[in-house]
């Protein structure tokens, strides 16, 4: 499998209570709606299966899904690592 690394660090000040922001960040439906190229996230407890939008290619397309084990420290941090049950062609860690 081909691998690459990308990093993006951002800061923002939100005019909302921490709990309200946290509630959005742990809701897989809302996260999918806010994340470019993600069509849906199916959550099974701490395992989230991310389905990307179909990527058109010359003469075909690519459909990608990947599974992440999510770790939530309430109202503090979210970490995740690739945790496939079967062979997957994509994944993320962060």
N, C-alpha and C. Protein backbone atom coordinates (compact mmCIF):
# COMPACT_ATOMS: atom_id res chain seq x y z
N UNK A 1 0.84 -1.17 0.00
CA UNK A 1 0.00 0.00 0.00
C UNK A 1 0.89 1.24 0.00
N UNK A 2 0.53 2.22 -0.79
CA UNK A 2 1.24 3.49 -0.83
C UNK A 2 0.84 4.30 0.40
N UNK A 3 1.80 4.93 1.02
CA UNK A 3 1.54 5.75 2.20
C UNK A 3 2.02 7.17 1.98
N UNK A 4 1.36 8.12 2.62
CA UNK A 4 1.83 9.49 2.63
C UNK A 4 1.46 10.10 3.97
N UNK A 5 2.11 11.18 4.30
CA UNK A 5 1.84 11.88 5.54
C UNK A 5 1.48 13.32 5.22
N UNK A 6 0.47 13.82 5.89
CA UNK A 6 0.08 15.22 5.76
C UNK A 6 -0.23 15.73 7.16
N UNK A 7 0.01 17.00 7.37
CA UNK A 7 -0.24 17.58 8.69
C UNK A 7 -0.88 18.94 8.50
N UNK A 8 -1.89 19.18 9.30
CA UNK A 8 -2.53 20.50 9.30
C UNK A 8 -2.85 20.84 10.74
N UNK A 9 -2.43 21.99 11.15
CA UNK A 9 -2.71 22.46 12.51
C UNK A 9 -3.43 23.79 12.40
N UNK A 10 -4.55 23.90 13.09
CA UNK A 10 -5.36 25.11 13.03
C UNK A 10 -5.81 25.49 14.43
N UNK A 11 -6.13 26.74 14.59
CA UNK A 11 -6.71 27.22 15.84
C UNK A 11 -7.91 28.07 15.51
N UNK A 12 -8.89 28.04 16.39
CA UNK A 12 -10.07 28.88 16.23
C UNK A 12 -10.65 29.17 17.61
N UNK A 13 -11.29 30.30 17.71
CA UNK A 13 -12.01 30.65 18.94
C UNK A 13 -13.49 30.53 18.60
N UNK A 14 -14.18 29.70 19.36
CA UNK A 14 -15.60 29.48 19.12
C UNK A 14 -16.42 30.16 20.22
N UNK A 15 -17.45 30.81 19.82
CA UNK A 15 -18.30 31.53 20.76
C UNK A 15 -19.44 30.61 21.23
N UNK A 16 -19.05 29.44 21.76
CA UNK A 16 -20.02 28.46 22.25
C UNK A 16 -19.44 27.77 23.47
N UNK A 17 -20.31 27.20 24.27
CA UNK A 17 -19.86 26.42 25.43
C UNK A 17 -19.07 25.21 24.96
N UNK A 18 -18.06 24.83 25.73
CA UNK A 18 -17.23 23.66 25.40
C UNK A 18 -18.11 22.42 25.21
N UNK A 19 -19.08 22.19 26.08
CA UNK A 19 -19.93 21.00 25.97
C UNK A 19 -20.69 20.97 24.65
N UNK A 20 -21.18 22.12 24.23
CA UNK A 20 -21.92 22.19 22.97
C UNK A 20 -21.03 21.81 21.78
N UNK A 21 -19.79 22.32 21.78
CA UNK A 21 -18.83 21.98 20.72
C UNK A 21 -18.50 20.49 20.78
N UNK A 22 -18.24 19.99 21.98
CA UNK A 22 -17.91 18.57 22.16
C UNK A 22 -19.01 17.68 21.62
N UNK A 23 -20.26 18.03 21.91
CA UNK A 23 -21.40 17.22 21.46
C UNK A 23 -21.44 17.09 19.94
N UNK A 24 -21.01 18.13 19.25
CA UNK A 24 -20.94 18.07 17.78
C UNK A 24 -19.79 17.16 17.34
N UNK A 25 -18.63 17.29 17.99
CA UNK A 25 -17.44 16.54 17.56
C UNK A 25 -17.52 15.04 17.81
N UNK A 26 -18.41 14.60 18.68
CA UNK A 26 -18.54 13.16 18.95
C UNK A 26 -19.78 12.57 18.28
N UNK A 27 -20.45 13.35 17.46
CA UNK A 27 -21.62 12.88 16.72
C UNK A 27 -21.19 12.51 15.29
N UNK A 28 -21.15 11.21 14.97
CA UNK A 28 -20.64 10.81 13.65
C UNK A 28 -21.42 11.40 12.48
N UNK A 29 -22.72 11.59 12.63
CA UNK A 29 -23.50 12.18 11.54
C UNK A 29 -23.10 13.63 11.29
N UNK A 30 -22.91 14.39 12.36
CA UNK A 30 -22.51 15.79 12.21
C UNK A 30 -21.08 15.90 11.70
N UNK A 31 -20.19 15.05 12.19
CA UNK A 31 -18.80 15.08 11.70
C UNK A 31 -18.77 14.77 10.20
N UNK A 32 -19.54 13.77 9.76
CA UNK A 32 -19.58 13.43 8.33
C UNK A 32 -20.10 14.61 7.52
N UNK A 33 -21.12 15.30 8.02
CA UNK A 33 -21.69 16.44 7.29
C UNK A 33 -20.70 17.60 7.18
N UNK A 34 -19.78 17.72 8.13
CA UNK A 34 -18.81 18.83 8.13
C UNK A 34 -17.49 18.49 7.44
N UNK A 35 -17.27 17.22 7.11
CA UNK A 35 -15.96 16.80 6.60
C UNK A 35 -16.00 16.62 5.09
N UNK A 36 -15.18 17.39 4.36
CA UNK A 36 -15.15 17.25 2.90
C UNK A 36 -14.82 15.81 2.50
N UNK A 37 -15.43 15.35 1.45
CA UNK A 37 -15.21 14.04 0.83
C UNK A 37 -15.75 12.86 1.65
N UNK A 38 -16.40 13.11 2.79
CA UNK A 38 -16.98 12.02 3.58
C UNK A 38 -18.47 11.98 3.32
N UNK A 39 -18.98 10.81 2.92
CA UNK A 39 -20.42 10.70 2.67
C UNK A 39 -21.17 10.23 3.91
N UNK A 40 -20.51 9.40 4.75
CA UNK A 40 -21.17 8.97 6.00
C UNK A 40 -20.15 8.34 6.93
N UNK A 41 -20.52 8.28 8.21
CA UNK A 41 -19.74 7.58 9.22
C UNK A 41 -20.70 6.68 9.98
N UNK A 42 -20.39 5.40 10.02
CA UNK A 42 -21.18 4.44 10.78
C UNK A 42 -20.41 4.11 12.05
N UNK A 43 -21.01 4.41 13.21
CA UNK A 43 -20.32 4.20 14.48
C UNK A 43 -20.85 2.93 15.16
N UNK A 44 -19.90 2.14 15.64
CA UNK A 44 -20.21 0.97 16.46
C UNK A 44 -19.38 1.13 17.73
N UNK A 45 -19.94 1.86 18.69
CA UNK A 45 -19.16 2.20 19.88
C UNK A 45 -18.00 3.08 19.49
N UNK A 46 -16.78 2.72 19.93
CA UNK A 46 -15.62 3.55 19.62
C UNK A 46 -15.04 3.29 18.22
N UNK A 47 -15.60 2.34 17.47
CA UNK A 47 -15.11 2.07 16.10
C UNK A 47 -16.01 2.81 15.12
N UNK A 48 -15.40 3.69 14.36
CA UNK A 48 -16.13 4.46 13.36
C UNK A 48 -15.67 4.01 11.97
N UNK A 49 -16.63 3.67 11.12
CA UNK A 49 -16.33 3.29 9.73
C UNK A 49 -16.68 4.48 8.84
N UNK A 50 -15.64 5.04 8.23
CA UNK A 50 -15.77 6.23 7.40
C UNK A 50 -15.94 5.80 5.94
N UNK A 51 -16.96 6.33 5.27
CA UNK A 51 -17.18 6.08 3.85
C UNK A 51 -16.98 7.39 3.10
N UNK A 52 -16.02 7.38 2.18
CA UNK A 52 -15.73 8.58 1.39
C UNK A 52 -16.64 8.65 0.18
N UNK A 53 -16.81 9.84 -0.34
CA UNK A 53 -17.57 10.01 -1.58
C UNK A 53 -16.81 9.31 -2.71
N UNK A 54 -17.55 8.84 -3.68
CA UNK A 54 -16.94 8.18 -4.84
C UNK A 54 -15.99 9.16 -5.54
N UNK A 55 -14.81 8.67 -5.87
CA UNK A 55 -13.81 9.48 -6.55
C UNK A 55 -13.76 9.05 -8.01
N UNK A 56 -14.21 9.92 -8.93
CA UNK A 56 -14.20 9.54 -10.34
C UNK A 56 -12.78 9.56 -10.92
N UNK A 57 -12.49 8.57 -11.74
CA UNK A 57 -11.22 8.48 -12.44
C UNK A 57 -11.50 8.26 -13.91
N UNK A 58 -10.52 8.51 -14.73
CA UNK A 58 -10.67 8.26 -16.15
C UNK A 58 -10.99 6.78 -16.36
N UNK A 59 -12.17 6.50 -16.87
CA UNK A 59 -12.54 5.12 -17.15
C UNK A 59 -13.04 4.35 -15.93
N UNK A 60 -13.32 5.01 -14.81
CA UNK A 60 -13.80 4.29 -13.64
C UNK A 60 -13.96 5.19 -12.42
N UNK A 61 -13.85 4.57 -11.27
CA UNK A 61 -13.98 5.32 -10.02
C UNK A 61 -13.34 4.52 -8.89
N UNK A 62 -13.16 5.19 -7.76
CA UNK A 62 -12.63 4.55 -6.56
C UNK A 62 -13.62 4.78 -5.43
N UNK A 63 -13.97 3.71 -4.73
CA UNK A 63 -14.80 3.80 -3.53
C UNK A 63 -13.93 3.39 -2.35
N UNK A 64 -13.81 4.26 -1.35
CA UNK A 64 -12.95 3.98 -0.20
C UNK A 64 -13.74 4.03 1.10
N UNK A 65 -13.42 3.09 1.98
CA UNK A 65 -13.94 3.06 3.34
C UNK A 65 -12.78 2.69 4.25
N UNK A 66 -12.80 3.19 5.47
CA UNK A 66 -11.78 2.79 6.43
C UNK A 66 -12.36 2.86 7.84
N UNK A 67 -11.78 2.09 8.74
CA UNK A 67 -12.27 1.97 10.10
C UNK A 67 -11.24 2.55 11.06
N UNK A 68 -11.72 3.39 11.97
CA UNK A 68 -10.87 4.03 12.96
C UNK A 68 -11.34 3.68 14.36
N UNK A 69 -10.41 3.36 15.24
CA UNK A 69 -10.71 3.20 16.66
C UNK A 69 -10.57 4.59 17.28
N UNK A 70 -11.67 5.10 17.78
CA UNK A 70 -11.72 6.46 18.33
C UNK A 70 -11.57 6.40 19.85
N UNK A 71 -10.77 7.30 20.39
CA UNK A 71 -10.62 7.42 21.84
C UNK A 71 -11.01 8.85 22.22
N UNK A 72 -11.99 8.95 23.10
CA UNK A 72 -12.50 10.26 23.51
C UNK A 72 -12.16 10.53 24.97
N UNK A 73 -11.49 11.62 25.24
CA UNK A 73 -11.31 12.13 26.59
C UNK A 73 -12.29 13.29 26.69
N UNK A 74 -13.42 13.08 27.37
CA UNK A 74 -14.53 14.05 27.32
C UNK A 74 -14.11 15.51 27.48
N UNK A 75 -14.56 16.27 26.50
CA UNK A 75 -14.35 17.71 26.42
C UNK A 75 -12.89 18.12 26.42
N UNK A 76 -11.97 17.17 26.06
CA UNK A 76 -10.54 17.47 26.02
C UNK A 76 -9.91 17.09 24.67
N UNK A 77 -9.86 15.79 24.36
CA UNK A 77 -9.17 15.34 23.16
C UNK A 77 -9.91 14.19 22.47
N UNK A 78 -9.63 14.07 21.20
CA UNK A 78 -10.07 12.94 20.39
C UNK A 78 -8.83 12.41 19.67
N UNK A 79 -8.54 11.13 19.84
CA UNK A 79 -7.46 10.51 19.08
C UNK A 79 -8.04 9.32 18.34
N UNK A 80 -7.35 8.88 17.29
CA UNK A 80 -7.85 7.77 16.49
C UNK A 80 -6.69 7.06 15.81
N UNK A 81 -6.89 5.77 15.54
CA UNK A 81 -5.90 5.02 14.76
C UNK A 81 -6.64 4.01 13.89
N UNK A 82 -6.00 3.69 12.78
CA UNK A 82 -6.58 2.77 11.82
C UNK A 82 -6.75 1.40 12.46
N UNK A 83 -7.97 0.84 12.38
CA UNK A 83 -8.29 -0.42 13.05
C UNK A 83 -9.20 -1.26 12.15
N UNK A 84 -8.68 -1.72 11.02
CA UNK A 84 -9.52 -2.46 10.08
C UNK A 84 -9.85 -3.87 10.56
N UNK A 85 -11.06 -4.32 10.21
CA UNK A 85 -11.41 -5.72 10.46
C UNK A 85 -11.00 -6.57 9.26
N UNK A 86 -11.06 -5.98 8.09
CA UNK A 86 -10.66 -6.64 6.85
C UNK A 86 -9.62 -5.75 6.18
N UNK A 87 -9.16 -6.18 5.01
CA UNK A 87 -8.20 -5.37 4.26
C UNK A 87 -8.88 -4.07 3.81
N UNK A 88 -8.22 -2.94 4.05
CA UNK A 88 -8.74 -1.65 3.63
C UNK A 88 -7.67 -0.91 2.85
N UNK A 89 -8.10 -0.09 1.89
CA UNK A 89 -7.16 0.63 1.04
C UNK A 89 -6.89 2.05 1.53
N UNK A 90 -7.45 2.41 2.68
CA UNK A 90 -7.23 3.76 3.22
C UNK A 90 -7.28 3.66 4.74
N UNK A 91 -6.77 4.69 5.40
CA UNK A 91 -6.81 4.75 6.85
C UNK A 91 -6.21 6.06 7.32
N UNK A 92 -6.33 6.32 8.60
CA UNK A 92 -5.78 7.56 9.17
C UNK A 92 -5.40 7.34 10.61
N UNK A 93 -4.50 8.16 11.10
CA UNK A 93 -4.10 8.15 12.50
C UNK A 93 -3.96 9.60 12.93
N UNK A 94 -4.44 9.90 14.13
CA UNK A 94 -4.31 11.28 14.58
C UNK A 94 -4.78 11.48 15.98
